[in-house]
Amino acid sequence: MIGPEKTLLLSPSPVDETRPQNRTNEIMRKYADIVEQIAKSTGSKYIDLFCIMIERPDYLSMLSDGLHFNSSGYSFLAELILRKIGETNG
């Protein structure tokens, strides 16, 4: 069984609020807070993708449709995950 020390939880990313089909960043922040609470309560690793991305003025350029990642968004996410794995292993 894989334990919390090898589990990595990610918050949702922020969205483009100018697109009507998308959620709001206020709601996404609430989801992020819940994921963080779960990570803390279980001892899992956590990446606060919402906070990391929302602080970047170019975060919208990482979204293909205002909600889902494009190739640069996936590259950004992969780097964050690799960095967190590196911290965990070492």
Protein backbone atom coordinates (compact mmCIF):
# COMPACT_ATOMS: atom_id res chain seq x y z
CA MET A 1 0.00 0.00 0.00
CA ILE A 2 1.25 3.48 -0.83
CA GLY A 3 1.28 5.72 2.22
CA PRO A 4 0.92 9.47 2.56
CA GLU A 5 4.68 10.00 2.42
CA LYS A 6 4.51 8.94 -1.25
CA THR A 7 1.25 10.72 -2.05
CA LEU A 8 1.27 14.11 -3.75
CA LEU A 9 -1.89 16.21 -3.79
CA LEU A 10 -2.34 19.19 -6.09
CA SER A 11 -4.70 22.08 -5.71
CA PRO A 12 -6.70 23.09 -8.76
CA SER A 13 -5.25 25.83 -10.91
CA PRO A 14 -6.82 29.26 -11.29
CA VAL A 15 -9.12 29.84 -14.26
CA ASP A 16 -9.81 32.57 -16.78
CA GLU A 17 -12.81 34.27 -15.22
CA THR A 18 -13.59 36.17 -18.43
CA ARG A 19 -14.85 32.95 -19.99
CA PRO A 20 -18.43 32.32 -18.89
CA GLN A 21 -18.27 28.51 -18.83
CA ASN A 22 -15.44 28.51 -16.31
CA ARG A 23 -15.56 28.51 -12.56
CA THR A 24 -14.48 31.52 -10.54
CA ASN A 25 -11.11 31.84 -8.84
CA GLU A 26 -12.93 32.35 -5.56
CA ILE A 27 -14.41 28.85 -5.89
CA MET A 28 -11.09 27.40 -7.05
CA ARG A 29 -9.37 28.94 -4.00
CA LYS A 30 -11.92 27.16 -1.77
CA TYR A 31 -11.15 23.85 -3.48
CA ALA A 32 -7.43 24.53 -3.01
CA ASP A 33 -7.95 25.17 0.71
CA ILE A 34 -9.78 21.86 1.11
CA VAL A 35 -7.04 19.92 -0.72
CA GLU A 36 -4.43 21.58 1.50
CA GLN A 37 -6.38 20.57 4.64
CA ILE A 38 -6.58 16.98 3.41
CA ALA A 39 -2.83 16.94 2.67
CA LYS A 40 -2.07 18.23 6.17
CA SER A 41 -4.46 15.82 7.90
CA THR A 42 -3.09 12.80 6.05
CA GLY A 43 0.57 13.81 6.01
CA SER A 44 0.62 13.86 2.21
CA LYS A 45 2.84 16.09 0.12
CA TYR A 46 1.10 19.12 -1.39
CA ILE A 47 1.59 21.57 -4.24
CA ASP A 48 -0.50 24.72 -4.03
CA LEU A 49 -0.82 25.11 -7.77
CA PHE A 50 -3.50 27.77 -7.36
CA CYS A 51 -1.27 30.15 -5.37
CA ILE A 52 1.81 29.47 -7.47
CA MET A 53 -0.01 30.18 -10.72
CA ILE A 54 -2.23 33.09 -9.63
CA GLU A 55 0.88 35.04 -8.61
CA ARG A 56 2.18 34.81 -12.19
CA PRO A 57 0.90 37.58 -14.46
CA ASP A 58 1.13 35.15 -17.41
CA TYR A 59 -0.85 32.27 -15.91
CA LEU A 60 -3.62 32.59 -18.51
CA SER A 61 -1.10 31.77 -21.22
CA MET A 62 -0.81 28.28 -19.69
CA LEU A 63 -4.51 27.51 -20.23
CA SER A 64 -5.88 26.27 -23.55
CA ASP A 65 -9.50 27.17 -22.97
CA GLY A 66 -9.43 29.14 -19.74
CA LEU A 67 -9.68 25.97 -17.64
CA HIS A 68 -7.44 23.19 -19.01
CA PHE A 69 -3.68 23.31 -19.48
CA ASN A 70 -1.99 23.72 -22.83
CA SER A 71 1.52 22.39 -23.51
CA SER A 72 3.24 25.21 -21.61
CA GLY A 73 0.89 24.65 -18.68
CA TYR A 74 1.70 20.95 -18.58
CA SER A 75 5.42 21.73 -18.78
CA PHE A 76 5.06 24.15 -15.87
CA LEU A 77 3.14 21.54 -13.86
CA ALA A 78 5.70 18.83 -14.66
CA GLU A 79 8.51 21.06 -13.37
CA LEU A 80 6.64 21.68 -10.11
CA ILE A 81 6.01 17.96 -9.63
CA LEU A 82 9.63 17.04 -10.38
CA ARG A 83 10.85 19.67 -7.95
CA LYS A 84 8.54 18.37 -5.21
CA ILE A 85 9.66 14.78 -5.84
CA GLY A 86 13.26 15.96 -5.61
CA GLU A 87 12.57 17.66 -2.28
CA THR A 88 10.89 14.51 -1.01
CA ASN A 89 13.68 12.20 -2.09
CA GLY A 90 16.29 14.42 -1.12
